[in-house]
Amino acid sequence: MEMRFTLETIQEAAKHFWQSVNNAKVFAFHGPMGAGKTTFIHALCDVRGVTSTIGSPTFSIINEYEYPGGTIFHIDLYRLKDANEAVRAGVEDCLYSGDFCLVEWPERAESIFPDSTCEVFLRIIDPETRLLQIEDK
């Protein structure tokens, strides 16, 4: 699945995302710095009804948000060196918890992801527009 969005249409794109991913629980968000991974994940949390403050987990590694249907883990692996560090930080526990996991910089620890991980790619089209591509494994 592929769609373009801007900040003005991001909420609509987030709704469409959730409708398109079937039963997936773990999402690996790929894209260069500044592609909008954190911003899109924020929109995904909004659509799910998260009411707590949503921020980047760059320094905490894992942020946990409650929504009416359960828990969403927002994980940022940017500062980690490898899969061993991710395991020590508790990332693997989140990935196999059965809760939603939205992971930025997954390439830092690809080996620990479940086979059912949904790969999500964000690309910069121009300063306002992003291309979102979703690929199921």
Protein backbone atom coordinates (compact mmCIF):
# COMPACT_ATOMS: atom_id res chain seq x y z
CA MET A 1 0.00 0.00 0.00
CA GLU A 2 1.23 3.46 -0.83
CA MET A 3 -0.05 6.96 -0.06
CA ARG A 4 1.14 10.53 -0.05
CA PHE A 5 0.34 12.94 2.76
CA THR A 6 1.15 16.37 4.14
CA LEU A 7 0.75 17.79 7.66
CA GLU A 8 -2.73 18.91 6.60
CA THR A 9 -3.74 15.35 5.61
CA ILE A 10 -1.72 13.35 8.15
CA GLN A 11 -4.72 12.44 10.33
CA GLU A 12 -6.55 11.05 7.31
CA ALA A 13 -3.42 9.10 6.32
CA ALA A 14 -3.14 7.71 9.87
CA LYS A 15 -6.77 6.52 9.79
CA HIS A 16 -6.17 4.87 6.42
CA PHE A 17 -2.98 3.26 7.79
CA TRP A 18 -4.84 1.58 10.67
CA GLN A 19 -7.55 0.36 8.29
CA SER A 20 -4.93 -1.11 5.93
CA VAL A 21 -2.73 -3.12 8.29
CA ASN A 22 -5.15 -5.88 9.26
CA ASN A 23 -3.97 -7.71 12.37
CA ALA A 24 -0.37 -6.50 12.44
CA LYS A 25 0.95 -5.43 15.84
CA VAL A 26 4.62 -4.61 15.21
CA PHE A 27 5.56 -1.88 12.75
CA ALA A 28 9.12 -1.06 11.68
CA PHE A 29 9.35 2.55 10.45
CA HIS A 30 12.19 3.17 8.00
CA GLY A 31 13.22 6.54 6.61
CA PRO A 32 15.95 9.14 6.73
CA MET A 33 16.29 11.70 9.51
CA GLY A 34 13.58 14.31 8.98
CA ALA A 35 11.26 12.03 6.99
CA GLY A 36 8.52 12.40 9.59
CA LYS A 37 8.58 9.06 11.39
CA THR A 38 7.91 10.54 14.83
CA THR A 39 5.30 12.93 13.45
CA PHE A 40 3.43 10.13 11.68
CA ILE A 41 3.59 7.89 14.78
CA HIS A 42 2.15 10.80 16.79
CA ALA A 43 -0.78 10.92 14.32
CA LEU A 44 -1.22 7.13 14.61
CA CYS A 45 -1.45 7.46 18.40
CA ASP A 46 -3.93 10.33 18.10
CA VAL A 47 -6.18 8.24 15.86
CA ARG A 48 -6.07 5.36 18.38
CA GLY A 49 -7.18 7.72 21.16
CA VAL A 50 -3.96 8.15 23.14
CA THR A 51 -4.53 11.06 25.50
CA SER A 52 -1.13 11.25 27.21
CA THR A 53 1.67 13.40 25.85
CA ILE A 54 3.30 11.75 22.85
CA GLY A 55 6.97 12.51 22.39
CA SER A 56 10.05 11.12 20.77
CA PRO A 57 11.61 8.24 22.74
CA THR A 58 15.09 9.01 21.37
CA PHE A 59 16.55 9.25 24.88
CA SER A 60 14.20 6.94 26.79
CA ILE A 61 14.28 4.28 23.99
CA ILE A 62 10.71 3.15 24.84
CA ASN A 63 7.62 5.27 25.49
CA GLU A 64 4.45 3.51 26.59
CA TYR A 65 1.05 5.02 25.83
CA GLU A 66 -2.39 3.87 26.91
CA TYR A 67 -5.33 4.05 24.51
CA PRO A 68 -8.91 2.79 24.92
CA GLY A 69 -7.97 -0.65 23.50
CA GLY A 70 -4.72 -1.25 25.39
CA THR A 71 -1.08 -0.20 25.12
CA ILE A 72 1.07 1.23 22.34
CA PHE A 73 4.85 1.06 22.63
CA HIS A 74 6.72 3.78 20.71
CA ILE A 75 10.32 2.64 20.38
CA ASP A 76 13.29 4.54 18.96
CA LEU A 77 16.44 2.48 18.36
CA TYR A 78 18.51 5.36 16.94
CA ARG A 79 20.91 5.52 19.91
CA LEU A 80 21.45 1.77 20.15
CA LYS A 81 24.44 -0.01 18.62
CA ASP A 82 22.96 -3.45 18.03
CA ALA A 83 20.36 -6.10 18.87
CA ASN A 84 22.07 -6.95 22.18
CA GLU A 85 21.60 -3.39 23.43
CA ALA A 86 17.97 -3.50 22.29
CA VAL A 87 17.36 -6.72 24.22
CA ARG A 88 18.99 -5.24 27.34
CA ALA A 89 16.76 -2.15 27.01
CA GLY A 90 13.63 -4.34 27.02
CA VAL A 91 12.73 -3.83 23.36
CA GLU A 92 12.30 -7.54 22.64
CA ASP A 93 9.80 -7.85 25.51
CA CYS A 94 7.70 -5.11 23.91
CA LEU A 95 7.92 -6.62 20.41
CA TYR A 96 6.51 -9.95 21.63
CA SER A 97 4.00 -8.50 24.12
CA GLY A 98 1.02 -8.63 21.76
CA ASP A 99 0.62 -4.85 22.09
CA PHE A 100 1.10 -2.38 19.28
CA CYS A 101 4.78 -1.51 18.73
CA LEU A 102 5.75 1.43 16.52
CA VAL A 103 9.52 1.28 16.05
CA GLU A 104 11.79 3.93 14.58
CA TRP A 105 15.26 2.99 13.26
CA PRO A 106 14.53 -0.77 13.27
CA GLU A 107 17.63 -1.52 11.20
CA ARG A 108 19.67 -1.13 14.42
CA ALA A 109 18.29 -4.49 15.69
CA GLU A 110 16.54 -6.24 12.79
CA SER A 111 17.29 -9.73 14.12
CA ILE A 112 14.99 -9.41 17.14
CA PHE A 113 11.82 -8.47 15.23
CA PRO A 114 9.00 -11.00 14.84
CA ASP A 115 8.53 -12.49 11.36
CA SER A 116 5.11 -10.84 11.21
CA THR A 117 6.57 -7.31 11.45
CA CYS A 118 4.97 -4.84 9.06
CA GLU A 119 7.64 -2.78 7.28
CA VAL A 120 6.75 0.90 6.81
CA PHE A 121 8.81 3.26 4.66
CA LEU A 122 8.59 7.05 4.78
CA ARG A 123 10.18 9.03 1.97
CA ILE A 124 10.52 12.77 1.50
CA ILE A 125 8.86 13.92 -1.73
CA ASP A 126 9.28 17.65 -1.11
CA PRO A 127 9.40 19.89 2.01
CA GLU A 128 5.66 19.38 2.66
CA THR A 129 4.90 15.95 1.19
CA ARG A 130 5.79 12.45 2.34
CA LEU A 131 5.30 9.09 0.65
CA LEU A 132 4.26 6.23 2.93
CA GLN A 133 4.72 2.64 1.77
CA ILE A 134 3.57 -0.37 3.77
CA GLU A 135 4.92 -3.86 3.08
CA ASP A 136 3.83 -6.94 4.99
CA LYS A 137 6.48 -9.61 5.55
